Amino acid sequence: MSLVDFGFRVKLQHCLLEHAGTLLRRQLNVVVEFGSWSSEERESIRRAAERERATAELHFLKAPLDELVRRVRQRGGLHAEALATDVLLRDSHKFEEPSAQEIASFDRYFGPNDTWKPDA
């Protein structure tokens, strides 16, 4: 699968989110790390957790664009350059940082200045 085959990625992400719901119903922890550039996408992930009465955490990490591009290129792979050029460099302006209102809708939030500590 190509990282820049967005039609396939949308279908796959839908299936993975449904599977996450199945795992949550079994009271397992799930990490969803896709489809989260927009507040609308993050809201659909949050609602999936809410439907299963699971705690929804938002972890937001911020890195400079040039660092993200460098990491993708360093990692390499079949479509790394397309991901760096056609997604990160071309479309990074489409990314929406979480607003205060969005952050408040999650059960827990960890941002760029927070130190994450697992629950005791």
PDB file of N, CA and C in Angstrom:
ATOM      1  N   MET A   1       0.837  -1.170   0.000  1.00  0.00           N
ATOM      2  CA  MET A   1       0.000   0.000   0.000  1.00  0.00           C
ATOM      3  C   MET A   1       0.886   1.240   0.000  1.00  0.00           C
ATOM      4  N   SER A   2       0.489   2.223  -0.744  1.00  0.00           N
ATOM      5  CA  SER A   2       1.209   3.484  -0.789  1.00  0.00           C
ATOM      6  C   SER A   2       0.705   4.404   0.324  1.00  0.00           C
ATOM      7  N   LEU A   3       1.623   5.080   0.969  1.00  0.00           N
ATOM      8  CA  LEU A   3       1.242   6.036   2.013  1.00  0.00           C
ATOM      9  C   LEU A   3       0.479   7.225   1.446  1.00  0.00           C
ATOM     10  N   VAL A   4       0.546   7.414   0.144  1.00  0.00           N
ATOM     11  CA  VAL A   4      -0.149   8.542  -0.466  1.00  0.00           C
ATOM     12  C   VAL A   4      -1.360   8.090  -1.286  1.00  0.00           C
ATOM     13  N   ASP A   5      -1.804   6.845  -1.097  1.00  0.00           N
ATOM     14  CA  ASP A   5      -3.052   6.350  -1.715  1.00  0.00           C
ATOM     15  C   ASP A   5      -4.178   6.679  -0.741  1.00  0.00           C
ATOM     16  N   PHE A   6      -4.691   7.904  -0.852  1.00  0.00           N
ATOM     17  CA  PHE A   6      -5.619   8.400   0.149  1.00  0.00           C
ATOM     18  C   PHE A   6      -6.975   7.703   0.106  1.00  0.00           C
ATOM     19  N   GLY A   7      -7.420   7.267  -1.057  1.00  0.00           N
ATOM     20  CA  GLY A   7      -8.678   6.526  -1.134  1.00  0.00           C
ATOM     21  C   GLY A   7      -8.608   5.265  -0.292  1.00  0.00           C
ATOM     22  N   PHE A   8      -7.515   4.530  -0.442  1.00  0.00           N
ATOM     23  CA  PHE A   8      -7.333   3.311   0.337  1.00  0.00           C
ATOM     24  C   PHE A   8      -7.170   3.629   1.820  1.00  0.00           C
ATOM     25  N   ARG A   9      -6.407   4.666   2.124  1.00  0.00           N
ATOM     26  CA  ARG A   9      -6.167   5.019   3.531  1.00  0.00           C
ATOM     27  C   ARG A   9      -7.467   5.362   4.245  1.00  0.00           C
ATOM     28  N   VAL A  10      -8.367   6.076   3.581  1.00  0.00           N
ATOM     29  CA  VAL A  10      -9.646   6.433   4.206  1.00  0.00           C
ATOM     30  C   VAL A  10     -10.434   5.175   4.536  1.00  0.00           C
ATOM     31  N   LYS A  11     -10.473   4.226   3.602  1.00  0.00           N
ATOM     32  CA  LYS A  11     -11.189   2.967   3.842  1.00  0.00           C
ATOM     33  C   LYS A  11     -10.535   2.183   4.979  1.00  0.00           C
ATOM     34  N   LEU A  12      -9.211   2.120   4.961  1.00  0.00           N
ATOM     35  CA  LEU A  12      -8.493   1.384   5.996  1.00  0.00           C
ATOM     36  C   LEU A  12      -8.709   2.024   7.367  1.00  0.00           C
ATOM     37  N   GLN A  13      -8.640   3.346   7.435  1.00  0.00           N
ATOM     38  CA  GLN A  13      -8.830   4.029   8.708  1.00  0.00           C
ATOM     39  C   GLN A  13     -10.226   3.771   9.267  1.00  0.00           C
ATOM     40  N   HIS A  14     -11.224   3.729   8.391  1.00  0.00           N
ATOM     41  CA  HIS A  14     -12.591   3.427   8.834  1.00  0.00           C
ATOM     42  C   HIS A  14     -12.642   2.024   9.454  1.00  0.00           C
ATOM     43  N   CYS A  15     -12.037   1.056   8.781  1.00  0.00           N
ATOM     44  CA  CYS A  15     -12.013  -0.320   9.308  1.00  0.00           C
ATOM     45  C   CYS A  15     -11.260  -0.389  10.641  1.00  0.00           C
ATOM     46  N   LEU A  16     -10.138   0.319  10.727  1.00  0.00           N
ATOM     47  CA  LEU A  16      -9.358   0.301  11.965  1.00  0.00           C
ATOM     48  C   LEU A  16     -10.118   0.954  13.114  1.00  0.00           C
ATOM     49  N   LEU A  17     -10.866   2.004  12.824  1.00  0.00           N
ATOM     50  CA  LEU A  17     -11.649   2.659  13.877  1.00  0.00           C
ATOM     51  C   LEU A  17     -12.778   1.745  14.355  1.00  0.00           C
ATOM     52  N   GLU A  18     -13.394   1.003  13.440  1.00  0.00           N
ATOM     53  CA  GLU A  18     -14.407   0.020  13.843  1.00  0.00           C
ATOM     54  C   GLU A  18     -13.782  -1.062  14.712  1.00  0.00           C
ATOM     55  N   HIS A  19     -12.596  -1.519  14.321  1.00  0.00           N
ATOM     56  CA  HIS A  19     -11.895  -2.543  15.105  1.00  0.00           C
ATOM     57  C   HIS A  19     -11.520  -1.993  16.482  1.00  0.00           C
ATOM     58  N   ALA A  20     -11.130  -0.715  16.542  1.00  0.00           N
ATOM     59  CA  ALA A  20     -10.824  -0.087  17.830  1.00  0.00           C
ATOM     60  C   ALA A  20     -12.043  -0.146  18.742  1.00  0.00           C
ATOM     61  N   GLY A  21     -13.241   0.087  18.172  1.00  0.00           N
ATOM     62  CA  GLY A  21     -14.470  -0.016  18.964  1.00  0.00           C
ATOM     63  C   GLY A  21     -14.663  -1.407  19.529  1.00  0.00           C
ATOM     64  N   THR A  22     -14.367  -2.415  18.720  1.00  0.00           N
ATOM     65  CA  THR A  22     -14.468  -3.806  19.173  1.00  0.00           C
ATOM     66  C   THR A  22     -13.514  -4.052  20.345  1.00  0.00           C
ATOM     67  N   LEU A  23     -12.297  -3.565  20.221  1.00  0.00           N
ATOM     68  CA  LEU A  23     -11.311  -3.748  21.291  1.00  0.00           C
ATOM     69  C   LEU A  23     -11.715  -2.990  22.551  1.00  0.00           C
ATOM     70  N   LEU A  24     -12.253  -1.788  22.379  1.00  0.00           N
ATOM     71  CA  LEU A  24     -12.704  -1.010  23.541  1.00  0.00           C
ATOM     72  C   LEU A  24     -13.841  -1.711  24.269  1.00  0.00           C
ATOM     73  N   ARG A  25     -14.750  -2.341  23.512  1.00  0.00           N
ATOM     74  CA  ARG A  25     -15.848  -3.097  24.144  1.00  0.00           C
ATOM     75  C   ARG A  25     -15.309  -4.245  24.980  1.00  0.00           C
ATOM     76  N   ARG A  26     -14.127  -4.731  24.633  1.00  0.00           N
ATOM     77  CA  ARG A  26     -13.472  -5.792  25.405  1.00  0.00           C
ATOM     78  C   ARG A  26     -12.595  -5.208  26.511  1.00  0.00           C
ATOM     79  N   GLN A  27     -12.736  -3.911  26.719  1.00  0.00           N
ATOM     80  CA  GLN A  27     -12.033  -3.169  27.759  1.00  0.00           C
ATOM     81  C   GLN A  27     -10.515  -3.209  27.588  1.00  0.00           C
ATOM     82  N   LEU A  28     -10.083  -3.168  26.345  1.00  0.00           N
ATOM     83  CA  LEU A  28      -8.661  -3.082  26.027  1.00  0.00           C
ATOM     84  C   LEU A  28      -8.314  -1.635  25.675  1.00  0.00           C
ATOM     85  N   ASN A  29      -7.080  -1.268  25.860  1.00  0.00           N
ATOM     86  CA  ASN A  29      -6.619   0.063  25.482  1.00  0.00           C
ATOM     87  C   ASN A  29      -6.321   0.095  23.986  1.00  0.00           C
ATOM     88  N   VAL A  30      -6.579   1.237  23.370  1.00  0.00           N
ATOM     89  CA  VAL A  30      -6.357   1.412  21.942  1.00  0.00           C
ATOM     90  C   VAL A  30      -5.672   2.751  21.714  1.00  0.00           C
ATOM     91  N   VAL A  31      -4.686   2.761  20.846  1.00  0.00           N
ATOM     92  CA  VAL A  31      -4.052   4.003  20.412  1.00  0.00           C
ATOM     93  C   VAL A  31      -4.397   4.190  18.942  1.00  0.00           C
ATOM     94  N   VAL A  32      -5.014   5.314  18.615  1.00  0.00           N
ATOM     95  CA  VAL A  32      -5.362   5.635  17.237  1.00  0.00           C
ATOM     96  C   VAL A  32      -4.463   6.781  16.803  1.00  0.00           C
ATOM     97  N   GLU A  33      -3.671   6.525  15.795  1.00  0.00           N
ATOM     98  CA  GLU A  33      -2.715   7.534  15.343  1.00  0.00           C
ATOM     99  C   GLU A  33      -2.841   7.709  13.829  1.00  0.00           C
ATOM    100  N   PHE A  34      -3.987   8.154  13.414  1.00  0.00           N
ATOM    101  CA  PHE A  34      -4.232   8.447  12.003  1.00  0.00           C
ATOM    102  C   PHE A  34      -5.428   9.368  11.906  1.00  0.00           C
ATOM    103  N   GLY A  35      -5.594   9.970  10.759  1.00  0.00           N
ATOM    104  CA  GLY A  35      -6.776  10.785  10.521  1.00  0.00           C
ATOM    105  C   GLY A  35      -6.992  11.854  11.554  1.00  0.00           C
ATOM    106  N   SER A  36      -5.908  12.515  11.938  1.00  0.00           N
ATOM    107  CA  SER A  36      -6.080  13.471  13.027  1.00  0.00           C
ATOM    108  C   SER A  36      -5.533  14.858  12.695  1.00  0.00           C
ATOM    109  N   TRP A  37      -5.530  15.219  11.437  1.00  0.00           N
ATOM    110  CA  TRP A  37      -5.062  16.552  11.056  1.00  0.00           C
ATOM    111  C   TRP A  37      -6.108  17.614  11.351  1.00  0.00           C
ATOM    112  N   SER A  38      -7.368  17.251  11.318  1.00  0.00           N
ATOM    113  CA  SER A  38      -8.422  18.248  11.526  1.00  0.00           C
ATOM    114  C   SER A  38      -9.178  17.953  12.816  1.00  0.00           C
ATOM    115  N   SER A  39      -9.800  18.992  13.354  1.00  0.00           N
ATOM    116  CA  SER A  39     -10.601  18.798  14.562  1.00  0.00           C
ATOM    117  C   SER A  39     -11.763  17.849  14.274  1.00  0.00           C
ATOM    118  N   GLU A  40     -12.301  17.886  13.070  1.00  0.00           N
ATOM    119  CA  GLU A  40     -13.394  16.981  12.704  1.00  0.00           C
ATOM    120  C   GLU A  40     -12.942  15.523  12.754  1.00  0.00           C
ATOM    121  N   GLU A  41     -11.742  15.255  12.255  1.00  0.00           N
ATOM    122  CA  GLU A  41     -11.215  13.884  12.301  1.00  0.00           C
ATOM    123  C   GLU A  41     -10.972  13.439  13.750  1.00  0.00           C
ATOM    124  N   ARG A  42     -10.402  14.324  14.539  1.00  0.00           N
ATOM    125  CA  ARG A  42     -10.161  13.969  15.948  1.00  0.00           C
ATOM    126  C   ARG A  42     -11.473  13.774  16.695  1.00  0.00           C
ATOM    127  N   GLU A  43     -12.484  14.550  16.340  1.00  0.00           N
ATOM    128  CA  GLU A  43     -13.799  14.400  16.979  1.00  0.00           C
ATOM    129  C   GLU A  43     -14.410  13.045  16.656  1.00  0.00           C
ATOM    130  N   SER A  44     -14.247  12.550  15.447  1.00  0.00           N
ATOM    131  CA  SER A  44     -14.807  11.236  15.107  1.00  0.00           C
ATOM    132  C   SER A  44     -14.110  10.135  15.909  1.00  0.00           C
ATOM    133  N   ILE A  45     -12.832  10.301  16.149  1.00  0.00           N
ATOM    134  CA  ILE A  45     -12.096   9.333  16.971  1.00  0.00           C
ATOM    135  C   ILE A  45     -12.576   9.430  18.425  1.00  0.00           C
ATOM    136  N   ARG A  46     -12.750  10.645  18.920  1.00  0.00           N
ATOM    137  CA  ARG A  46     -13.228  10.842  20.297  1.00  0.00           C
ATOM    138  C   ARG A  46     -14.619  10.245  20.480  1.00  0.00           C
ATOM    139  N   ARG A  47     -15.492  10.443  19.483  1.00  0.00           N
ATOM    140  CA  ARG A  47     -16.854   9.894  19.569  1.00  0.00           C
ATOM    141  C   ARG A  47     -16.838   8.371  19.575  1.00  0.00           C
ATOM    142  N   ALA A  48     -15.911   7.768  18.843  1.00  0.00           N
ATOM    143  CA  ALA A  48     -15.801   6.302  18.855  1.00  0.00           C
ATOM    144  C   ALA A  48     -15.503   5.817  20.270  1.00  0.00           C
ATOM    145  N   ALA A  49     -14.620   6.503  20.968  1.00  0.00           N
ATOM    146  CA  ALA A  49     -14.320   6.138  22.359  1.00  0.00           C
ATOM    147  C   ALA A  49     -15.533   6.382  23.246  1.00  0.00           C
ATOM    148  N   GLU A  50     -16.193   7.491  23.035  1.00  0.00           N
ATOM    149  CA  GLU A  50     -17.368   7.838  23.840  1.00  0.00           C
ATOM    150  C   GLU A  50     -18.478   6.800  23.682  1.00  0.00           C
ATOM    151  N   ARG A  51     -18.685   6.325  22.457  1.00  0.00           N
ATOM    152  CA  ARG A  51     -19.724   5.298  22.219  1.00  0.00           C
ATOM    153  C   ARG A  51     -19.474   4.046  23.048  1.00  0.00           C
ATOM    154  N   GLU A  52     -18.209   3.758  23.291  1.00  0.00           N
ATOM    155  CA  GLU A  52     -17.846   2.551  24.047  1.00  0.00           C
ATOM    156  C   GLU A  52     -17.589   2.867  25.521  1.00  0.00           C
ATOM    157  N   ARG A  53     -17.925   4.093  25.911  1.00  0.00           N
ATOM    158  CA  ARG A  53     -17.731   4.542  27.295  1.00  0.00           C
ATOM    159  C   ARG A  53     -16.268   4.412  27.740  1.00  0.00           C
ATOM    160  N   ALA A  54     -15.372   4.710  26.820  1.00  0.00           N
ATOM    161  CA  ALA A  54     -13.938   4.650  27.101  1.00  0.00           C
ATOM    162  C   ALA A  54     -13.407   6.067  27.317  1.00  0.00           C
ATOM    163  N   THR A  55     -12.348   6.164  28.048  1.00  0.00           N
ATOM    164  CA  THR A  55     -11.669   7.432  28.245  1.00  0.00           C
ATOM    165  C   THR A  55     -10.961   7.808  26.949  1.00  0.00           C
ATOM    166  N   ALA A  56     -11.112   9.057  26.544  1.00  0.00           N
ATOM    167  CA  ALA A  56     -10.464   9.533  25.320  1.00  0.00           C
ATOM    168  C   ALA A  56      -9.404  10.559  25.689  1.00  0.00           C
ATOM    169  N   GLU A  57      -8.170  10.269  25.304  1.00  0.00           N
ATOM    170  CA  GLU A  57      -7.062  11.171  25.557  1.00  0.00           C
ATOM    171  C   GLU A  57      -6.587  11.744  24.234  1.00  0.00           C
ATOM    172  N   LEU A  58      -6.216  12.997  24.260  1.00  0.00           N
ATOM    173  CA  LEU A  58      -5.603  13.630  23.097  1.00  0.00           C
ATOM    174  C   LEU A  58      -4.161  13.951  23.451  1.00  0.00           C
ATOM    175  N   HIS A  59      -3.251  13.380  22.685  1.00  0.00           N
ATOM    176  CA  HIS A  59      -1.826  13.657  22.845  1.00  0.00           C
ATOM    177  C   HIS A  59      -1.402  14.461  21.626  1.00  0.00           C
ATOM    178  N   PHE A  60      -0.979  15.677  21.845  1.00  0.00           N
ATOM    179  CA  PHE A  60      -0.585  16.553  20.746  1.00  0.00           C
ATOM    180  C   PHE A  60       0.894  16.878  20.862  1.00  0.00           C
ATOM    181  N   LEU A  61       1.647  16.426  19.878  1.00  0.00           N
ATOM    182  CA  LEU A  61       3.076  16.700  19.828  1.00  0.00           C
ATOM    183  C   LEU A  61       3.328  17.674  18.693  1.00  0.00           C
ATOM    184  N   LYS A  62       4.188  18.619  18.927  1.00  0.00           N
ATOM    185  CA  LYS A  62       4.452  19.638  17.921  1.00  0.00           C
ATOM    186  C   LYS A  62       5.930  19.618  17.556  1.00  0.00           C
ATOM    187  N   ALA A  63       6.187  19.535  16.261  1.00  0.00           N
ATOM    188  CA  ALA A  63       7.565  19.574  15.773  1.00  0.00           C
ATOM    189  C   ALA A  63       7.607  20.490  14.556  1.00  0.00           C
ATOM    190  N   PRO A  64       8.721  21.151  14.329  1.00  0.00           N
ATOM    191  CA  PRO A  64       8.838  22.008  13.153  1.00  0.00           C
ATOM    192  C   PRO A  64       8.687  21.184  11.871  1.00  0.00           C
ATOM    193  N   LEU A  65       8.103  21.798  10.868  1.00  0.00           N
ATOM    194  CA  LEU A  65       7.867  21.114   9.596  1.00  0.00           C
ATOM    195  C   LEU A  65       9.152  20.537   9.017  1.00  0.00           C
ATOM    196  N   ASP A  66      10.236  21.298   9.055  1.00  0.00           N
ATOM    197  CA  ASP A  66      11.486  20.790   8.475  1.00  0.00           C
ATOM    198  C   ASP A  66      11.975  19.540   9.203  1.00  0.00           C
ATOM    199  N   GLU A  67      11.694  19.440  10.500  1.00  0.00           N
ATOM    200  CA  GLU A  67      12.075  18.241  11.258  1.00  0.00           C
ATOM    201  C   GLU A  67      11.214  17.048  10.860  1.00  0.00           C
ATOM    202  N   LEU A  68       9.931  17.267  10.664  1.00  0.00           N
ATOM    203  CA  LEU A  68       9.054  16.180  10.221  1.00  0.00           C
ATOM    204  C   LEU A  68       9.480  15.665   8.849  1.00  0.00           C
ATOM    205  N   VAL A  69       9.778  16.572   7.947  1.00  0.00           N
ATOM    206  CA  VAL A  69      10.225  16.187   6.601  1.00  0.00           C
ATOM    207  C   VAL A  69      11.537  15.416   6.693  1.00  0.00           C
ATOM    208  N   ARG A  70      12.464  15.903   7.506  1.00  0.00           N
ATOM    209  CA  ARG A  70      13.744  15.221   7.674  1.00  0.00           C
ATOM    210  C   ARG A  70      13.554  13.794   8.176  1.00  0.00           C
ATOM    211  N   ARG A  71      12.662  13.628   9.157  1.00  0.00           N
ATOM    212  CA  ARG A  71      12.429  12.295   9.714  1.00  0.00           C
ATOM    213  C   ARG A  71      11.821  11.351   8.693  1.00  0.00           C
ATOM    214  N   VAL A  72      10.865  11.835   7.903  1.00  0.00           N
ATOM    215  CA  VAL A  72      10.252  10.985   6.871  1.00  0.00           C
ATOM    216  C   VAL A  72      11.302  10.572   5.854  1.00  0.00           C
ATOM    217  N   ARG A  73      12.104  11.512   5.416  1.00  0.00           N
ATOM    218  CA  ARG A  73      13.146  11.192   4.428  1.00  0.00           C
ATOM    219  C   ARG A  73      14.181  10.244   5.010  1.00  0.00           C
ATOM    220  N   GLN A  74      14.550  10.437   6.261  1.00  0.00           N
ATOM    221  CA  GLN A  74      15.535   9.561   6.897  1.00  0.00           C
ATOM    222  C   GLN A  74      14.977   8.149   7.059  1.00  0.00           C
ATOM    223  N   ARG A  75      13.715   8.057   7.427  1.00  0.00           N
ATOM    224  CA  ARG A  75      13.083   6.746   7.589  1.00  0.00           C
ATOM    225  C   ARG A  75      13.059   6.011   6.262  1.00  0.00           C
ATOM    226  N   GLY A  76      12.850   6.769   5.185  1.00  0.00           N
ATOM    227  CA  GLY A  76      12.881   6.181   3.847  1.00  0.00           C
ATOM    228  C   GLY A  76      11.666   5.333   3.549  1.00  0.00           C
ATOM    229  N   GLY A  77      11.800   4.483   2.587  1.00  0.00           N
ATOM    230  CA  GLY A  77      10.709   3.631   2.165  1.00  0.00           C
ATOM    231  C   GLY A  77      10.243   4.014   0.773  1.00  0.00           C
ATOM    232  N   LEU A  78       9.396   3.198   0.235  1.00  0.00           N
ATOM    233  CA  LEU A  78       8.965   3.320  -1.151  1.00  0.00           C
ATOM    234  C   LEU A  78       8.381   4.684  -1.485  1.00  0.00           C
ATOM    235  N   HIS A  79       7.576   5.255  -0.605  1.00  0.00           N
ATOM    236  CA  HIS A  79       6.894   6.506  -0.917  1.00  0.00           C
ATOM    237  C   HIS A  79       7.270   7.640   0.041  1.00  0.00           C
ATOM    238  N   ALA A  80       8.439   7.545   0.644  1.00  0.00           N
ATOM    239  CA  ALA A  80       8.855   8.550   1.620  1.00  0.00           C
ATOM    240  C   ALA A  80       8.937   9.943   1.000  1.00  0.00           C
ATOM    241  N   GLU A  81       9.515  10.053  -0.181  1.00  0.00           N
ATOM    242  CA  GLU A  81       9.652  11.378  -0.789  1.00  0.00           C
ATOM    243  C   GLU A  81       8.296  11.960  -1.158  1.00  0.00           C
ATOM    244  N   ALA A  82       7.390  11.114  -1.641  1.00  0.00           N
ATOM    245  CA  ALA A  82       6.037  11.596  -1.955  1.00  0.00           C
ATOM    246  C   ALA A  82       5.339  12.059  -0.680  1.00  0.00           C
ATOM    247  N   LEU A  83       5.525  11.336   0.409  1.00  0.00           N
ATOM    248  CA  LEU A  83       4.926  11.734   1.685  1.00  0.00           C
ATOM    249  C   LEU A  83       5.513  13.076   2.150  1.00  0.00           C
ATOM    250  N   ALA A  84       6.829  13.213   2.030  1.00  0.00           N
ATOM    251  CA  ALA A  84       7.484  14.459   2.449  1.00  0.00           C
ATOM    252  C   ALA A  84       7.042  15.629   1.576  1.00  0.00           C
ATOM    253  N   THR A  85       7.058  15.433   0.267  1.00  0.00           N
ATOM    254  CA  THR A  85       6.784  16.529  -0.669  1.00  0.00           C
ATOM    255  C   THR A  85       5.294  16.776  -0.875  1.00  0.00           C
ATOM    256  N   ASP A  86       4.563  15.714  -1.191  1.00  0.00           N
ATOM    257  CA  ASP A  86       3.158  15.857  -1.592  1.00  0.00           C
ATOM    258  C   ASP A  86       2.199  15.965  -0.414  1.00  0.00           C
ATOM    259  N   VAL A  87       2.647  15.603   0.755  1.00  0.00           N
ATOM    260  CA  VAL A  87       1.760  15.693   1.921  1.00  0.00           C
ATOM    261  C   VAL A  87       2.280  16.761   2.883  1.00  0.00           C
ATOM    262  N   LEU A  88       3.446  16.532   3.458  1.00  0.00           N
ATOM    263  CA  LEU A  88       3.933  17.456   4.479  1.00  0.00           C
ATOM    264  C   LEU A  88       4.207  18.853   3.922  1.00  0.00           C
ATOM    265  N   LEU A  89       5.006  18.953   2.882  1.00  0.00           N
ATOM    266  CA  LEU A  89       5.375  20.273   2.371  1.00  0.00           C
ATOM    267  C   LEU A  89       4.212  20.968   1.665  1.00  0.00           C
ATOM    268  N   ARG A  90       3.431  20.216   0.930  1.00  0.00           N
ATOM    269  CA  ARG A  90       2.338  20.837   0.183  1.00  0.00           C
ATOM    270  C   ARG A  90       1.114  21.122   1.048  1.00  0.00           C
ATOM    271  N   ASP A  91       0.794  20.214   1.968  1.00  0.00           N
ATOM    272  CA  ASP A  91      -0.487  20.291   2.672  1.00  0.00           C
ATOM    273  C   ASP A  91      -0.390  20.613   4.157  1.00  0.00           C
ATOM    274  N   SER A  92       0.779  20.925   4.665  1.00  0.00           N
ATOM    275  CA  SER A  92       0.906  21.151   6.108  1.00  0.00           C
ATOM    276  C   SER A  92       0.020  22.300   6.593  1.00  0.00           C
ATOM    277  N   HIS A  93      -0.303  23.239   5.722  1.00  0.00           N
ATOM    278  CA  HIS A  93      -1.174  24.353   6.107  1.00  0.00           C
ATOM    279  C   HIS A  93      -2.591  23.885   6.462  1.00  0.00           C
ATOM    280  N   LYS A  94      -2.929  22.651   6.086  1.00  0.00           N
ATOM    281  CA  LYS A  94      -4.258  22.106   6.372  1.00  0.00           C
ATOM    282  C   LYS A  94      -4.371  21.579   7.809  1.00  0.00           C
ATOM    283  N   PHE A  95      -3.235  21.416   8.479  1.00  0.00           N
ATOM    284  CA  PHE A  95      -3.266  20.887   9.839  1.00  0.00           C
ATOM    285  C   PHE A  95      -3.886  21.913  10.772  1.00  0.00           C
ATOM    286  N   GLU A  96      -4.801  21.459  11.611  1.00  0.00           N
ATOM    287  CA  GLU A  96      -5.457  22.315  12.600  1.00  0.00           C
ATOM    288  C   GLU A  96      -4.975  21.936  13.995  1.00  0.00           C
ATOM    289  N   GLU A  97      -4.311  22.862  14.654  1.00  0.00           N
ATOM    290  CA  GLU A  97      -3.924  22.597  16.038  1.00  0.00           C
ATOM    291  C   GLU A  97      -5.182  22.529  16.889  1.00  0.00           C
ATOM    292  N   PRO A  98      -5.192  21.696  17.915  1.00  0.00           N
ATOM    293  CA  PRO A  98      -6.373  21.615  18.780  1.00  0.00           C
ATOM    294  C   PRO A  98      -6.654  22.950  19.465  1.00  0.00           C
ATOM    295  N   SER A  99      -7.907  23.350  19.441  1.00  0.00           N
ATOM    296  CA  SER A  99      -8.332  24.577  20.129  1.00  0.00           C
ATOM    297  C   SER A  99      -8.606  24.256  21.596  1.00  0.00           C
ATOM    298  N   ALA A 100      -8.734  25.299  22.396  1.00  0.00           N
ATOM    299  CA  ALA A 100      -9.060  25.110  23.816  1.00  0.00           C
ATOM    300  C   ALA A 100     -10.389  24.382  23.967  1.00  0.00           C
ATOM    301  N   GLN A 101     -11.362  24.719  23.123  1.00  0.00           N
ATOM    302  CA  GLN A 101     -12.679  24.066  23.175  1.00  0.00           C
ATOM    303  C   GLN A 101     -12.555  22.579  22.839  1.00  0.00           C
ATOM    304  N   GLU A 102     -11.773  22.267  21.809  1.00  0.00           N
ATOM    305  CA  GLU A 102     -11.583  20.857  21.450  1.00  0.00           C
ATOM    306  C   GLU A 102     -10.873  20.108  22.564  1.00  0.00           C
ATOM    307  N   ILE A 103      -9.835  20.692  23.106  1.00  0.00           N
ATOM    308  CA  ILE A 103      -9.081  20.054  24.190  1.00  0.00           C
ATOM    309  C   ILE A 103     -10.019  19.733  25.358  1.00  0.00           C
ATOM    310  N   ALA A 104     -10.913  20.645  25.662  1.00  0.00           N
ATOM    311  CA  ALA A 104     -11.846  20.459  26.779  1.00  0.00           C
ATOM    312  C   ALA A 104     -12.814  19.307  26.535  1.00  0.00           C
ATOM    313  N   SER A 105     -13.020  18.917  25.295  1.00  0.00           N
ATOM    314  CA  SER A 105     -13.961  17.829  24.999  1.00  0.00           C
ATOM    315  C   SER A 105     -13.361  16.452  25.283  1.00  0.00           C
ATOM    316  N   PHE A 106     -12.045  16.376  25.438  1.00  0.00           N
ATOM    317  CA  PHE A 106     -11.385  15.106  25.731  1.00  0.00           C
ATOM    318  C   PHE A 106     -11.288  14.911  27.233  1.00  0.00           C
ATOM    319  N   ASP A 107     -11.221  13.648  27.654  1.00  0.00           N
ATOM    320  CA  ASP A 107     -11.109  13.338  29.078  1.00  0.00           C
ATOM    321  C   ASP A 107      -9.744  13.758  29.634  1.00  0.00           C
ATOM    322  N   ARG A 108      -8.716  13.596  28.806  1.00  0.00           N
ATOM    323  CA  ARG A 108      -7.362  13.975  29.212  1.00  0.00           C
ATOM    324  C   ARG A 108      -6.654  14.550  28.002  1.00  0.00           C
ATOM    325  N   TYR A 109      -5.726  15.456  28.270  1.00  0.00           N
ATOM    326  CA  TYR A 109      -4.956  16.086  27.207  1.00  0.00           C
ATOM    327  C   TYR A 109      -3.501  16.180  27.624  1.00  0.00           C
ATOM    328  N   PHE A 110      -2.630  15.875  26.685  1.00  0.00           N
ATOM    329  CA  PHE A 110      -1.197  16.041  26.886  1.00  0.00           C
ATOM    330  C   PHE A 110      -0.695  16.853  25.699  1.00  0.00           C
ATOM    331  N   GLY A 111      -0.123  18.012  25.990  1.00  0.00           N
ATOM    332  CA  GLY A 111       0.344  18.902  24.936  1.00  0.00           C
ATOM    333  C   GLY A 111       1.849  18.986  24.893  1.00  0.00           C
ATOM    334  N   PRO A 112       2.344  19.833  23.997  1.00  0.00           N
ATOM    335  CA  PRO A 112       3.795  19.940  23.783  1.00  0.00           C
ATOM    336  C   PRO A 112       4.597  20.283  25.045  1.00  0.00           C
ATOM    337  N   ASN A 113       3.989  20.967  25.996  1.00  0.00           N
ATOM    338  CA  ASN A 113       4.724  21.368  27.198  1.00  0.00           C
ATOM    339  C   ASN A 113       4.467  20.468  28.398  1.00  0.00           C
ATOM    340  N   ASP A 114       3.665  19.417  28.201  1.00  0.00           N
ATOM    341  CA  ASP A 114       3.330  18.523  29.303  1.00  0.00           C
ATOM    342  C   ASP A 114       4.318  17.372  29.396  1.00  0.00           C
ATOM    343  N   THR A 115       4.493  16.884  30.598  1.00  0.00           N
ATOM    344  CA  THR A 115       5.268  15.674  30.831  1.00  0.00           C
ATOM    345  C   THR A 115       4.269  14.564  31.108  1.00  0.00           C
ATOM    346  N   TRP A 116       4.271  13.572  30.257  1.00  0.00           N
ATOM    347  CA  TRP A 116       3.300  12.487  30.391  1.00  0.00           C
ATOM    348  C   TRP A 116       3.767  11.518  31.459  1.00  0.00           C
ATOM    349  N   LYS A 117       2.816  11.157  32.312  1.00  0.00           N
ATOM    350  CA  LYS A 117       3.073  10.147  33.336  1.00  0.00           C
ATOM    351  C   LYS A 117       1.902   9.186  33.322  1.00  0.00           C
ATOM    352  N   PRO A 118       2.186   7.889  33.278  1.00  0.00           N
ATOM    353  CA  PRO A 118       1.083   6.921  33.300  1.00  0.00           C
ATOM    354  C   PRO A 118       0.299   7.019  34.590  1.00  0.00           C
ATOM    355  N   ASP A 119      -0.960   6.612  34.523  1.00  0.00           N
ATOM    356  CA  ASP A 119      -1.791   6.607  35.729  1.00  0.00           C
ATOM    357  C   ASP A 119      -1.176   5.720  36.793  1.00  0.00           C
ATOM    358  N   ALA A 120      -1.286   6.152  38.014  1.00  0.00           N
ATOM    359  CA  ALA A 120      -0.726   5.349  39.128  1.00  0.00           C
ATOM    360  C   ALA A 120      -1.673   4.234  39.476  1.00  0.00           C
TER     361      ALA A 120
END
